[in-house]
Protein backbone atom coordinates (compact mmCIF):
# COMPACT_ATOMS: atom_id res chain seq x y z
CA MET A 1 244.17 206.35 311.42
CA PRO A 2 241.92 203.47 312.96
CA THR A 3 238.84 203.41 310.65
CA ILE A 4 234.99 204.88 311.73
CA ILE A 5 232.05 202.57 311.32
CA TYR A 6 229.21 204.64 310.86
CA SER A 7 226.00 203.20 311.66
CA VAL A 8 222.27 204.55 310.75
CA GLY A 9 221.33 207.73 312.05
CA ASP A 10 224.96 209.03 313.03
CA CYS A 11 226.41 212.66 313.21
CA PHE A 12 229.14 213.33 311.25
CA LYS A 13 231.09 216.78 311.05
CA THR A 14 233.54 217.52 307.71
CA GLU A 15 235.34 219.91 306.50
CA THR A 16 232.90 222.77 305.40
CA GLY A 17 229.83 220.87 306.95
CA TYR A 18 226.97 218.85 309.22
CA GLY A 19 225.66 215.77 308.19
CA VAL A 20 223.38 212.54 309.42
CA VAL A 21 224.19 208.65 307.50
CA LEU A 22 221.22 207.44 306.32
CA PRO A 23 220.08 203.41 304.97
CA ASP A 24 221.43 202.15 301.91
CA ASP A 25 224.72 203.68 302.17
CA LYS A 26 224.61 207.33 301.73
CA SER A 27 224.71 211.08 303.77
CA PHE A 28 223.06 213.99 303.99
CA VAL A 29 224.55 216.15 304.31
CA ILE A 30 224.62 220.53 305.09
CA THR A 31 227.50 222.44 303.50
CA ARG A 32 228.02 226.53 304.40
CA GLU A 33 227.72 228.41 301.05
CA GLY A 34 228.57 232.48 301.55
CA GLY A 35 225.47 234.10 298.95
CA ARG A 36 222.45 234.64 300.06
CA GLU A 37 221.34 231.10 300.55
CA GLY A 38 223.27 230.30 303.40
CA TYR A 39 223.80 226.94 303.14
CA THR A 40 223.17 223.83 300.98
CA MET A 41 221.61 220.09 301.68
CA GLU A 42 222.47 217.32 299.60
CA ILE A 43 222.04 213.80 299.87
CA VAL A 44 225.92 211.90 298.59
CA LYS A 45 226.88 207.81 298.12
CA GLY A 46 228.26 207.00 301.97
CA VAL A 47 230.21 208.85 304.10
CA PRO A 48 232.01 211.80 303.07
CA GLU A 49 235.84 211.28 303.52
CA SER A 50 236.61 214.31 305.62
CA ALA A 51 233.98 212.84 308.15
CA LEU A 52 234.40 213.16 312.50
CA PRO A 53 232.07 211.89 314.34
CA HIS A 54 230.22 215.19 316.32
CA PRO A 55 227.93 212.98 318.46
CA HIS A 56 226.48 216.41 320.19
CA LEU A 57 224.92 218.59 317.80
CA SER A 58 223.29 221.40 320.57
CA GLU A 59 227.50 221.78 321.40
CA GLY A 60 228.71 224.44 318.46
CA VAL A 61 226.13 223.58 315.83
CA LYS A 62 223.24 226.55 314.88
CA PHE A 63 220.87 225.75 315.50
CA GLU A 64 219.02 225.14 312.01
CA ILE A 65 221.95 222.89 310.91
CA SER A 66 220.75 221.04 314.09
CA PHE A 67 217.26 221.19 313.28
CA ALA A 68 217.67 220.34 309.58
CA LEU A 69 219.10 216.92 310.58
CA LYS A 70 216.82 216.72 313.42
CA CYS A 71 213.83 217.02 310.86
CA VAL A 72 215.86 213.88 308.35
CA ASN A 73 216.06 211.74 311.69
CA PHE A 74 212.09 212.22 312.57
CA ALA A 75 211.34 211.51 308.88
CA MET A 76 214.15 207.89 309.12
CA GLN A 77 212.53 207.51 312.08
CA CYS A 78 208.30 206.94 310.77
CA ASP A 79 209.99 205.92 307.25
CA THR A 80 210.85 202.71 309.04
CA GLY A 81 208.89 202.53 312.32
CA SER A 82 212.08 202.73 313.63
CA GLN A 83 212.20 203.31 317.50
CA ALA A 84 215.93 203.52 317.19
CA SER A 85 217.48 205.32 319.90
CA ILE A 86 219.60 208.07 318.37
CA THR A 87 223.12 209.10 320.70
CA SER A 88 223.23 212.38 318.20
CA TRP A 89 220.50 214.30 319.51
CA GLY A 90 220.87 217.28 321.50
CA ARG A 91 218.96 216.45 324.77
């Protein structure tokens, strides 16, 4: 299987949720959990092994998940002053 290379801001889907690549070899991951809380959000080292690119968050992703990932993107851009175009953010 070919190696997938991710850049900062790329979104991905895992077996249990979704995430976005952060600077410094980290990722913000949202996983679906049962019970009252509903979701777990965490920052992990690297990109999870089960991650596959998910280029369009507007397709097949619950609003609250895409909104949370868009908020992470916004915070990254504010923090770095970056105007980088991120292809994963739905139109």
